Protein backbone atom coordinates (compact mmCIF):
# COMPACT_ATOMS: atom_id res chain seq x y z
CA MET A 1 -10.59 4.75 -26.06
CA THR A 2 -7.48 3.09 -24.68
CA PHE A 3 -5.34 4.01 -21.67
CA THR A 4 -1.81 2.60 -21.43
CA SER A 5 0.71 3.09 -18.64
CA LEU A 6 4.38 3.56 -19.50
CA ALA A 7 5.24 4.34 -15.87
CA SER A 8 3.27 4.95 -12.67
CA SER A 9 5.11 5.60 -9.42
CA SER A 10 6.95 8.21 -7.41
CA HIS A 11 9.92 7.60 -9.71
CA GLY A 12 8.01 8.67 -12.82
CA ASN A 13 4.61 8.80 -14.51
CA CYS A 14 3.66 8.64 -18.16
CA TYR A 15 0.50 7.37 -19.87
CA VAL A 16 -0.78 7.08 -23.44
CA VAL A 17 -4.38 7.80 -24.44
CA SER A 18 -5.75 6.96 -27.88
CA ASP A 19 -9.17 6.88 -29.49
CA GLY A 20 -7.84 5.39 -32.71
CA GLN A 21 -7.60 8.79 -34.35
CA THR A 22 -5.77 11.00 -31.85
CA VAL A 23 -2.95 9.92 -29.52
CA ILE A 24 -1.77 12.00 -26.57
CA LEU A 25 0.47 11.61 -23.55
CA LEU A 26 -0.63 12.26 -20.00
CA GLU A 27 2.46 13.26 -17.99
CA CYS A 28 6.08 12.96 -19.06
CA GLY A 29 7.83 12.22 -15.79
CA ILE A 30 10.33 9.68 -17.11
CA SER A 31 13.39 10.11 -19.28
CA PHE A 32 12.82 11.03 -22.91
CA ARG A 33 14.62 7.83 -23.90
CA LYS A 34 12.12 5.75 -21.94
CA ILE A 35 9.20 7.64 -23.47
CA LYS A 36 10.53 6.98 -26.96
CA LYS A 37 11.13 3.32 -26.14
CA GLY A 38 7.59 2.96 -24.78
CA LEU A 39 6.24 4.44 -28.02
CA GLY A 40 8.32 2.19 -30.24
CA PHE A 41 10.69 5.08 -31.02
CA ASP A 42 7.96 6.82 -33.02
CA LEU A 43 6.57 10.13 -31.73
CA SER A 44 5.12 11.13 -35.09
CA ASN A 45 1.51 10.45 -34.09
CA ILE A 46 1.66 12.06 -30.62
CA ARG A 47 -0.50 15.17 -30.89
CA ALA A 48 0.12 16.61 -27.42
CA CYS A 49 1.15 15.99 -23.83
CA LEU A 50 -0.95 17.07 -20.85
CA VAL A 51 0.97 17.68 -17.61
CA SER A 52 -0.85 17.77 -14.28
CA HIS A 53 1.78 19.70 -12.30
CA GLU A 54 5.43 20.65 -12.17
CA HIS A 55 6.97 17.90 -10.01
CA LYS A 56 9.78 16.02 -11.73
CA ASP A 57 8.05 12.64 -11.67
CA HIS A 58 5.33 14.16 -13.86
CA ALA A 59 7.15 16.79 -15.91
CA LYS A 60 10.74 15.59 -16.35
CA SER A 61 10.76 15.51 -20.18
CA VAL A 62 8.70 18.62 -20.94
CA MET A 63 11.50 20.38 -22.82
CA ASP A 64 12.51 17.25 -24.74
CA LEU A 65 8.95 16.82 -25.99
CA ILE A 66 8.66 20.47 -26.97
CA LYS A 67 11.97 20.31 -28.83
CA SER A 68 10.62 17.26 -30.67
CA GLY A 69 7.58 19.18 -31.83
CA VAL A 70 5.04 17.84 -29.31
CA GLU A 71 2.81 20.56 -27.87
CA VAL A 72 2.69 20.47 -24.07
CA PHE A 73 -0.36 21.72 -22.16
CA ALA A 74 -0.38 22.62 -18.46
CA SER A 75 -1.75 25.29 -16.16
CA GLU A 76 -0.15 28.72 -16.06
CA GLY A 77 1.01 27.99 -12.52
CA THR A 78 2.71 24.80 -13.66
CA ALA A 79 4.38 26.57 -16.60
CA ASP A 80 5.67 29.32 -14.29
CA ALA A 81 6.94 26.77 -11.75
CA LEU A 82 8.83 24.99 -14.54
CA GLY A 83 10.14 28.30 -15.87
CA CYS A 84 8.95 27.37 -19.35
CA ASP A 85 7.13 29.91 -21.54
CA LEU A 86 6.82 27.36 -24.36
CA ILE A 87 4.04 25.46 -22.58
CA SER A 88 0.52 26.09 -23.84
CA ALA A 89 -1.41 27.31 -20.80
CA VAL A 90 -4.81 25.84 -19.94
CA ALA A 91 -7.19 26.75 -17.12
CA ASP A 92 -9.57 25.08 -14.71
CA ARG A 93 -12.85 24.17 -16.50
CA VAL A 94 -11.89 25.88 -19.76
CA GLN A 95 -12.21 23.30 -22.53
CA LEU A 96 -9.60 22.72 -25.21
CA GLN A 97 -9.53 20.44 -28.23
CA VAL A 98 -6.71 18.25 -29.50
CA GLY A 99 -7.64 16.42 -32.68
CA SER A 100 -10.72 14.33 -31.96
CA LEU A 101 -10.36 14.75 -28.18
CA GLU A 102 -12.21 17.37 -26.17
CA ILE A 103 -10.39 18.01 -22.89
CA MET A 104 -11.74 19.68 -19.76
CA PRO A 105 -9.09 20.48 -17.13
CA PHE A 106 -10.24 20.61 -13.50
CA ALA A 107 -8.49 21.67 -10.31
CA THR A 108 -7.00 19.04 -8.01
CA PHE A 109 -5.54 19.28 -4.50
CA HIS A 110 -1.77 18.82 -4.23
CA ASP A 111 1.29 20.68 -2.95
CA ALA A 112 1.99 22.20 -6.35
CA ALA A 113 1.49 25.60 -7.98
CA GLU A 114 -1.74 24.94 -9.93
CA PRO A 115 -2.37 21.19 -10.33
CA LEU A 116 -4.99 19.84 -12.72
CA GLY A 117 -6.82 16.67 -13.60
CA PHE A 118 -8.39 16.05 -17.00
CA LEU A 119 -11.75 14.87 -18.31
CA ILE A 120 -11.21 13.65 -21.88
CA TYR A 121 -14.04 13.02 -24.33
CA SER A 122 -13.55 11.36 -27.72
CA ARG A 123 -15.67 12.55 -30.62
CA THR A 124 -14.53 9.38 -32.45
CA ASP A 125 -15.90 6.70 -30.12
CA GLY A 126 -17.96 8.77 -27.67
CA GLU A 127 -16.07 7.54 -24.60
CA ARG A 128 -15.02 9.59 -21.58
CA LEU A 129 -11.86 9.21 -19.48
CA VAL A 130 -11.19 10.89 -16.14
CA PHE A 131 -7.54 11.24 -15.13
CA ALA A 132 -6.55 12.53 -11.70
CA THR A 133 -3.32 11.80 -9.85
CA ASP A 134 -1.41 13.44 -6.99
CA THR A 135 -4.54 14.79 -5.33
CA VAL A 136 -5.63 14.32 -1.73
CA ASN A 137 -9.28 14.14 -2.80
CA LEU A 138 -11.70 14.93 -5.63
CA GLY A 139 -14.67 17.28 -5.53
CA TYR A 140 -16.30 16.46 -8.84
CA ARG A 141 -18.75 13.90 -10.20
CA PHE A 142 -18.38 12.56 -13.74
CA PRO A 143 -21.63 11.11 -15.11
CA GLY A 144 -21.33 8.76 -18.07
CA VAL A 145 -17.60 8.12 -17.58
CA ASN A 146 -16.23 4.99 -19.30
CA LEU A 147 -12.65 4.93 -17.99
CA LEU A 148 -11.26 6.15 -14.68
CA ALA A 149 -7.55 6.62 -13.99
CA LEU A 150 -7.23 7.71 -10.36
CA GLU A 151 -4.56 7.89 -7.70
CA ALA A 152 -4.48 5.16 -5.03
CA ASN A 153 -1.27 6.18 -3.33
CA TYR A 154 -1.16 4.77 0.19
CA ASP A 155 -2.86 3.01 3.09
CA ALA A 156 -2.83 5.05 6.29
CA ALA A 157 -2.23 1.96 8.46
CA ILE A 158 0.76 0.86 6.38
CA LEU A 159 2.14 4.41 6.31
CA ALA A 160 1.96 4.61 10.11
CA ARG A 161 4.13 1.46 10.35
CA CYS A 162 6.85 2.83 8.05
CA GLU A 163 9.49 3.40 10.74
CA ARG A 164 12.21 4.42 8.31
CA MET A 165 10.10 7.16 6.74
CA PRO A 166 10.60 10.57 8.41
CA GLU A 167 7.51 12.08 10.01
CA LYS A 168 7.88 15.12 7.76
CA VAL A 169 7.57 12.89 4.70
CA LYS A 170 4.58 11.05 6.16
CA LYS A 171 2.85 14.37 6.80
CA ARG A 172 3.47 15.47 3.21
CA VAL A 173 2.04 12.21 1.87
CA THR A 174 -1.14 12.51 3.92
CA ASN A 175 -1.59 16.17 2.94
CA SER A 176 -1.05 15.75 -0.79
CA HIS A 177 -1.91 12.21 -1.93
CA MET A 178 -5.02 10.02 -2.16
CA GLU A 179 -5.44 7.42 0.59
CA ILE A 180 -7.11 4.16 -0.44
CA ASN A 181 -10.09 4.63 1.92
CA THR A 182 -10.66 8.12 0.51
CA LEU A 183 -10.67 6.70 -3.00
CA CYS A 184 -13.11 3.94 -2.11
CA GLN A 185 -15.47 6.38 -0.42
CA TYR A 186 -15.34 8.63 -3.46
CA LEU A 187 -16.00 5.76 -5.86
CA ARG A 188 -19.15 4.83 -3.95
CA THR A 189 -20.60 8.29 -4.71
CA LEU A 190 -20.24 7.89 -8.50
CA ASP A 191 -22.62 6.51 -11.09
CA LEU A 192 -20.39 3.88 -12.67
CA SER A 193 -23.05 2.17 -14.78
CA ALA A 194 -21.17 3.09 -17.97
CA CYS A 195 -17.66 2.57 -16.58
CA ARG A 196 -15.77 -0.43 -17.92
CA ALA A 197 -12.32 0.01 -16.33
CA LEU A 198 -10.66 1.70 -13.37
CA TYR A 199 -6.89 2.19 -13.41
CA LEU A 200 -5.18 2.68 -10.04
CA LEU A 201 -2.25 5.09 -10.35
CA HIS A 202 0.85 6.09 -8.42
CA LEU A 203 0.90 3.41 -5.72
CA SER A 204 3.48 4.10 -3.02
CA ASN A 205 6.34 1.61 -2.93
CA ALA A 206 6.46 1.82 0.87
CA ALA A 207 2.84 2.27 1.91
CA SER A 208 0.59 0.30 -0.44
CA ASN A 209 -0.44 -3.30 -1.08
CA GLU A 210 -1.55 -4.15 -4.62
CA GLY A 211 -3.66 -7.19 -3.81
CA ASN A 212 -5.34 -5.52 -0.86
CA PHE A 213 -6.04 -2.35 -2.87
CA ILE A 214 -7.63 -4.29 -5.72
CA ASN A 215 -9.88 -6.21 -3.32
CA ARG A 216 -10.98 -3.08 -1.49
CA VAL A 217 -11.67 -1.15 -4.68
CA ARG A 218 -13.65 -4.06 -6.15
CA GLN A 219 -15.97 -3.84 -3.15
CA ALA A 220 -16.55 -0.14 -3.89
CA VAL A 221 -17.43 -0.43 -7.59
CA PRO A 222 -19.97 -2.46 -9.60
CA CYS A 223 -18.85 -5.97 -10.55
CA HIS A 224 -18.66 -5.13 -14.26
CA VAL A 225 -15.86 -2.59 -13.68
CA GLN A 226 -12.40 -4.03 -14.33
CA VAL A 227 -9.84 -2.88 -11.73
CA ILE A 228 -6.28 -2.54 -13.03
CA ILE A 229 -3.07 -1.62 -11.19
CA CYS A 230 -0.72 0.54 -13.23
CA ALA A 231 2.70 -0.81 -12.31
């Protein structure tokens, strides 16, 4: 299974997952033009798009994808928040299938209507991917996972020094996004013996440090796990 980032930030998020037989998008929070450009202007093999929640940086191009014939899946709460009855509703821990991919949505913790993460299993290559972004923490364990794509949004010490950021915004960040220490503590609780790569998502432009984050995460995971920043 492959995981490719087209965009990963507060300005927009969009990722491509493929097992060689089925290709899907995770998030569509950038312009439709940028999505098409990232896909080589060919959407013909995109089977679906999974959207974690309704915020614009994750759901901007929902209607464009639907109009282009791409089925969009999201929670009922997300669909209602977007005011779109053309979204295919999915629910926490109710499995769905898209081509060769078996997908298990799970609840995450964010200031959104009904946010979800996704555990994706490929019947083609037998690999498992966990995707979770815009969540203050995670309450699940994923045995046998091969790929992790998890939020590493901010460092509390850096955030505290951001003098130009209003306190209201700082409070929202801490109450709705994953802090790097929280991520590292969570990673230490997982069995990562089968994991080959960890993708760090949604780094804050103002309150993160790529080099520092990579070094800290490497100390929290086995040495065989490749740590990758999604720019």
